[in-house]
């Protein structure tokens, strides 16, 4: 099972949101067995970033409907939440 931190950092790398726009994951209680246990959210972005975001969230929801929330200590009400800015996500080095 993928960790929330890893899913979010991969999502931020794919989307490359503009400066000043964070992407967040919020834990949620699934309504049924096929429902994901997370929701993604982002601020207003240009159309190209919004398209990358929509496509990436759709694909990740199919690949990783359930993620591991252990290690996430920030809460929004009763659910855990994690957010990252593009500048906070370490870019993989190419060799």
N, C-alpha and C. Protein backbone atom coordinates (compact mmCIF):
# COMPACT_ATOMS: atom_id res chain seq x y z
N UNK A 1 0.86 -1.17 0.00
CA UNK A 1 0.00 0.00 0.00
C UNK A 1 0.90 1.24 0.00
N UNK A 2 0.60 2.17 -0.85
CA UNK A 2 1.40 3.39 -0.99
C UNK A 2 1.13 4.34 0.18
N UNK A 3 2.20 4.97 0.66
CA UNK A 3 2.07 5.95 1.75
C UNK A 3 1.51 7.26 1.20
N UNK A 4 0.73 7.96 2.01
CA UNK A 4 0.14 9.24 1.61
C UNK A 4 1.22 10.23 1.17
N UNK A 5 2.33 10.28 1.90
CA UNK A 5 3.40 11.20 1.57
C UNK A 5 3.96 10.93 0.17
N UNK A 6 4.16 9.64 -0.14
CA UNK A 6 4.72 9.26 -1.44
C UNK A 6 3.75 9.55 -2.58
N UNK A 7 2.48 9.25 -2.37
CA UNK A 7 1.47 9.52 -3.39
C UNK A 7 1.40 11.02 -3.67
N UNK A 8 1.39 11.83 -2.62
CA UNK A 8 1.30 13.27 -2.79
C UNK A 8 2.53 13.83 -3.50
N UNK A 9 3.71 13.41 -3.11
CA UNK A 9 4.91 13.93 -3.75
C UNK A 9 4.96 13.55 -5.23
N UNK A 10 4.55 12.33 -5.57
CA UNK A 10 4.47 11.93 -6.98
C UNK A 10 3.45 12.77 -7.74
N UNK A 11 2.33 13.05 -7.11
CA UNK A 11 1.29 13.87 -7.73
C UNK A 11 1.81 15.28 -7.99
N UNK A 12 2.50 15.86 -7.02
CA UNK A 12 3.04 17.21 -7.19
C UNK A 12 4.08 17.23 -8.32
N UNK A 13 4.92 16.20 -8.40
CA UNK A 13 5.90 16.14 -9.50
C UNK A 13 5.21 16.06 -10.86
N UNK A 14 4.14 15.28 -10.95
CA UNK A 14 3.42 15.15 -12.22
C UNK A 14 2.73 16.45 -12.62
N UNK A 15 2.10 17.10 -11.67
CA UNK A 15 1.28 18.27 -11.97
C UNK A 15 2.16 19.52 -12.18
N UNK A 16 3.21 19.66 -11.39
CA UNK A 16 4.04 20.86 -11.41
C UNK A 16 3.19 22.12 -11.25
N UNK A 17 2.48 22.22 -10.10
CA UNK A 17 1.60 23.38 -9.89
C UNK A 17 2.42 24.66 -9.87
N UNK A 18 1.81 25.77 -10.23
CA UNK A 18 2.53 27.05 -10.23
C UNK A 18 2.91 27.47 -8.81
N UNK A 19 3.86 28.35 -8.74
CA UNK A 19 4.29 28.90 -7.46
C UNK A 19 3.07 29.47 -6.72
N UNK A 20 2.97 29.15 -5.44
CA UNK A 20 1.87 29.65 -4.63
C UNK A 20 0.66 28.74 -4.58
N UNK A 21 0.72 27.61 -5.29
CA UNK A 21 -0.41 26.67 -5.31
C UNK A 21 0.04 25.32 -4.75
N UNK A 22 -0.48 24.97 -3.60
CA UNK A 22 -0.17 23.67 -3.00
C UNK A 22 -1.20 22.64 -3.45
N UNK A 23 -0.81 21.39 -3.35
CA UNK A 23 -1.74 20.28 -3.58
C UNK A 23 -1.86 19.54 -2.25
N UNK A 24 -3.06 19.16 -1.89
CA UNK A 24 -3.31 18.51 -0.61
C UNK A 24 -4.04 17.18 -0.80
N UNK A 25 -3.79 16.27 0.11
CA UNK A 25 -4.56 15.03 0.21
C UNK A 25 -5.25 15.06 1.57
N UNK A 26 -6.50 14.67 1.58
CA UNK A 26 -7.27 14.58 2.81
C UNK A 26 -7.82 13.17 2.94
N UNK A 27 -7.65 12.61 4.11
CA UNK A 27 -8.18 11.29 4.41
C UNK A 27 -9.70 11.34 4.38
N UNK A 28 -10.31 10.27 3.92
CA UNK A 28 -11.77 10.20 3.95
C UNK A 28 -12.19 8.77 4.24
N UNK A 29 -13.38 8.66 4.75
CA UNK A 29 -13.93 7.34 5.05
C UNK A 29 -14.62 6.83 3.78
N UNK A 30 -14.16 5.69 3.25
CA UNK A 30 -14.78 5.14 2.04
C UNK A 30 -16.22 4.73 2.29
N UNK A 31 -17.07 4.95 1.29
CA UNK A 31 -18.48 4.57 1.39
C UNK A 31 -18.71 3.11 1.03
N UNK A 32 -17.80 2.56 0.21
CA UNK A 32 -17.88 1.14 -0.15
C UNK A 32 -16.48 0.63 -0.45
N UNK A 33 -16.36 -0.64 -0.81
CA UNK A 33 -15.06 -1.26 -1.01
C UNK A 33 -14.25 -0.67 -2.16
N UNK A 34 -14.91 -0.11 -3.16
CA UNK A 34 -14.18 0.43 -4.30
C UNK A 34 -13.90 1.93 -4.17
N UNK A 35 -14.38 2.53 -3.11
CA UNK A 35 -14.21 3.96 -2.87
C UNK A 35 -12.81 4.24 -2.31
N UNK A 36 -12.13 5.28 -2.81
CA UNK A 36 -10.80 5.60 -2.25
C UNK A 36 -10.91 6.16 -0.83
N UNK A 37 -9.80 6.06 -0.09
CA UNK A 37 -9.77 6.60 1.27
C UNK A 37 -9.05 7.95 1.30
N UNK A 38 -9.00 8.61 0.15
CA UNK A 38 -8.37 9.92 0.06
C UNK A 38 -9.05 10.80 -0.98
N UNK A 39 -8.91 12.11 -0.77
CA UNK A 39 -9.37 13.11 -1.73
C UNK A 39 -8.20 14.05 -1.99
N UNK A 40 -8.06 14.49 -3.22
CA UNK A 40 -7.02 15.47 -3.56
C UNK A 40 -7.68 16.82 -3.77
N UNK A 41 -6.93 17.85 -3.49
CA UNK A 41 -7.43 19.21 -3.70
C UNK A 41 -6.29 20.14 -4.07
N UNK A 42 -6.60 21.15 -4.85
CA UNK A 42 -5.60 22.13 -5.26
C UNK A 42 -6.29 23.48 -5.47
N UNK A 43 -5.49 24.51 -5.45
CA UNK A 43 -6.00 25.84 -5.71
C UNK A 43 -6.18 26.09 -7.20
N UNK A 44 -6.41 27.33 -7.53
CA UNK A 44 -6.61 27.72 -8.93
C UNK A 44 -5.27 27.62 -9.66
N UNK A 45 -5.31 26.95 -10.81
CA UNK A 45 -4.11 26.76 -11.62
C UNK A 45 -4.42 27.08 -13.08
N UNK A 46 -3.38 27.34 -13.87
CA UNK A 46 -3.59 27.51 -15.30
C UNK A 46 -4.15 26.23 -15.92
N UNK A 47 -4.73 26.35 -17.09
CA UNK A 47 -5.40 25.22 -17.72
C UNK A 47 -4.50 24.01 -17.91
N UNK A 48 -3.25 24.21 -18.33
CA UNK A 48 -2.36 23.06 -18.54
C UNK A 48 -2.09 22.31 -17.24
N UNK A 49 -1.88 23.02 -16.14
CA UNK A 49 -1.66 22.37 -14.85
C UNK A 49 -2.94 21.70 -14.36
N UNK A 50 -4.08 22.34 -14.59
CA UNK A 50 -5.36 21.74 -14.19
C UNK A 50 -5.60 20.44 -14.95
N UNK A 51 -5.27 20.42 -16.22
CA UNK A 51 -5.42 19.19 -17.01
C UNK A 51 -4.49 18.09 -16.49
N UNK A 52 -3.23 18.43 -16.19
CA UNK A 52 -2.30 17.44 -15.64
C UNK A 52 -2.81 16.92 -14.30
N UNK A 53 -3.33 17.82 -13.47
CA UNK A 53 -3.86 17.46 -12.16
C UNK A 53 -5.04 16.49 -12.30
N UNK A 54 -6.00 16.84 -13.14
CA UNK A 54 -7.19 15.99 -13.32
C UNK A 54 -6.80 14.59 -13.80
N UNK A 55 -5.92 14.52 -14.77
CA UNK A 55 -5.49 13.23 -15.32
C UNK A 55 -4.74 12.42 -14.27
N UNK A 56 -3.83 13.08 -13.54
CA UNK A 56 -3.03 12.37 -12.53
C UNK A 56 -3.91 11.86 -11.39
N UNK A 57 -4.85 12.66 -10.91
CA UNK A 57 -5.73 12.22 -9.82
C UNK A 57 -6.58 11.05 -10.28
N UNK A 58 -7.09 11.11 -11.50
CA UNK A 58 -7.89 10.01 -12.04
C UNK A 58 -7.07 8.71 -12.07
N UNK A 59 -5.85 8.78 -12.62
CA UNK A 59 -5.00 7.59 -12.72
C UNK A 59 -4.59 7.06 -11.35
N UNK A 60 -4.20 7.96 -10.45
CA UNK A 60 -3.79 7.52 -9.11
C UNK A 60 -4.96 6.92 -8.34
N UNK A 61 -6.15 7.45 -8.55
CA UNK A 61 -7.32 6.89 -7.89
C UNK A 61 -7.60 5.45 -8.32
N UNK A 62 -7.30 5.15 -9.58
CA UNK A 62 -7.48 3.78 -10.07
C UNK A 62 -6.36 2.86 -9.58
N UNK A 63 -5.13 3.37 -9.57
CA UNK A 63 -3.97 2.56 -9.16
C UNK A 63 -3.87 2.39 -7.64
N UNK A 64 -4.21 3.43 -6.92
CA UNK A 64 -4.03 3.44 -5.46
C UNK A 64 -5.27 3.99 -4.76
N UNK A 65 -6.37 3.25 -4.80
CA UNK A 65 -7.59 3.76 -4.15
C UNK A 65 -7.45 3.85 -2.63
N UNK A 66 -6.59 3.03 -2.06
CA UNK A 66 -6.36 3.07 -0.61
C UNK A 66 -4.89 3.36 -0.38
N UNK A 67 -4.63 4.33 0.48
CA UNK A 67 -3.26 4.68 0.83
C UNK A 67 -3.08 4.58 2.34
N UNK A 68 -1.83 4.50 2.75
CA UNK A 68 -1.48 4.37 4.17
C UNK A 68 -1.28 5.77 4.76
N UNK A 69 -2.03 6.08 5.79
CA UNK A 69 -1.98 7.40 6.42
C UNK A 69 -1.06 7.46 7.63
N UNK A 70 -0.42 6.36 8.00
CA UNK A 70 0.49 6.36 9.14
C UNK A 70 1.59 7.39 8.90
N UNK A 71 1.93 8.11 9.92
CA UNK A 71 2.98 9.12 9.82
C UNK A 71 2.46 10.51 9.51
N UNK A 72 1.21 10.64 9.09
CA UNK A 72 0.62 11.96 8.84
C UNK A 72 -0.02 12.40 10.15
N UNK A 73 0.46 13.51 10.67
CA UNK A 73 0.01 13.94 12.00
C UNK A 73 -0.86 15.19 11.98
N UNK A 74 -0.97 15.85 10.83
CA UNK A 74 -1.81 17.04 10.72
C UNK A 74 -3.25 16.62 10.47
N UNK A 75 -4.17 17.23 11.19
CA UNK A 75 -5.60 16.91 11.04
C UNK A 75 -6.38 18.12 10.57
N UNK A 76 -7.41 17.84 9.79
CA UNK A 76 -8.41 18.83 9.40
C UNK A 76 -9.72 18.27 9.93
N UNK A 77 -10.11 18.71 11.11
CA UNK A 77 -11.25 18.09 11.78
C UNK A 77 -10.84 16.70 12.25
N UNK A 78 -11.63 15.70 11.87
CA UNK A 78 -11.32 14.33 12.32
C UNK A 78 -10.45 13.56 11.35
N UNK A 79 -10.14 14.14 10.19
CA UNK A 79 -9.38 13.43 9.15
C UNK A 79 -7.98 14.01 8.99
N UNK A 80 -7.04 13.12 8.67
CA UNK A 80 -5.67 13.57 8.43
C UNK A 80 -5.57 14.29 7.09
N UNK A 81 -4.61 15.21 7.02
CA UNK A 81 -4.43 16.01 5.82
C UNK A 81 -2.95 16.29 5.65
N UNK A 82 -2.51 16.29 4.40
CA UNK A 82 -1.12 16.59 4.09
C UNK A 82 -1.10 17.44 2.83
N UNK A 83 -0.21 18.42 2.79
CA UNK A 83 -0.13 19.32 1.63
C UNK A 83 1.34 19.55 1.29
N UNK A 84 1.60 19.79 0.02
CA UNK A 84 2.96 20.08 -0.45
C UNK A 84 2.91 21.14 -1.54
N UNK A 85 3.91 22.01 -1.51
CA UNK A 85 4.16 22.97 -2.59
C UNK A 85 5.17 22.30 -3.53
N UNK A 86 5.19 22.71 -4.76
CA UNK A 86 6.14 22.14 -5.72
C UNK A 86 7.57 22.34 -5.24
N UNK A 87 7.86 23.48 -4.65
CA UNK A 87 9.22 23.77 -4.17
C UNK A 87 9.64 22.87 -3.01
N UNK A 88 8.69 22.22 -2.34
CA UNK A 88 9.01 21.33 -1.21
C UNK A 88 9.32 19.91 -1.64
N UNK A 89 8.99 19.59 -2.86
CA UNK A 89 9.15 18.21 -3.33
C UNK A 89 10.48 18.09 -4.04
N UNK A 90 11.31 17.23 -3.50
CA UNK A 90 12.63 17.01 -4.07
C UNK A 90 12.50 16.40 -5.45
N UNK A 91 13.13 17.00 -6.42
CA UNK A 91 13.08 16.47 -7.78
C UNK A 91 14.08 15.32 -7.90
N UNK A 92 13.68 14.23 -8.56
CA UNK A 92 14.62 13.12 -8.73
C UNK A 92 15.78 13.57 -9.61
N UNK A 93 16.96 13.10 -9.26
CA UNK A 93 18.13 13.46 -10.06
C UNK A 93 18.25 12.51 -11.23
N UNK A 94 18.60 13.04 -12.38
CA UNK A 94 18.79 12.19 -13.55
C UNK A 94 20.27 11.90 -13.70
N UNK A 95 20.56 10.66 -14.05
CA UNK A 95 21.96 10.25 -14.21
C UNK A 95 22.22 9.75 -15.58
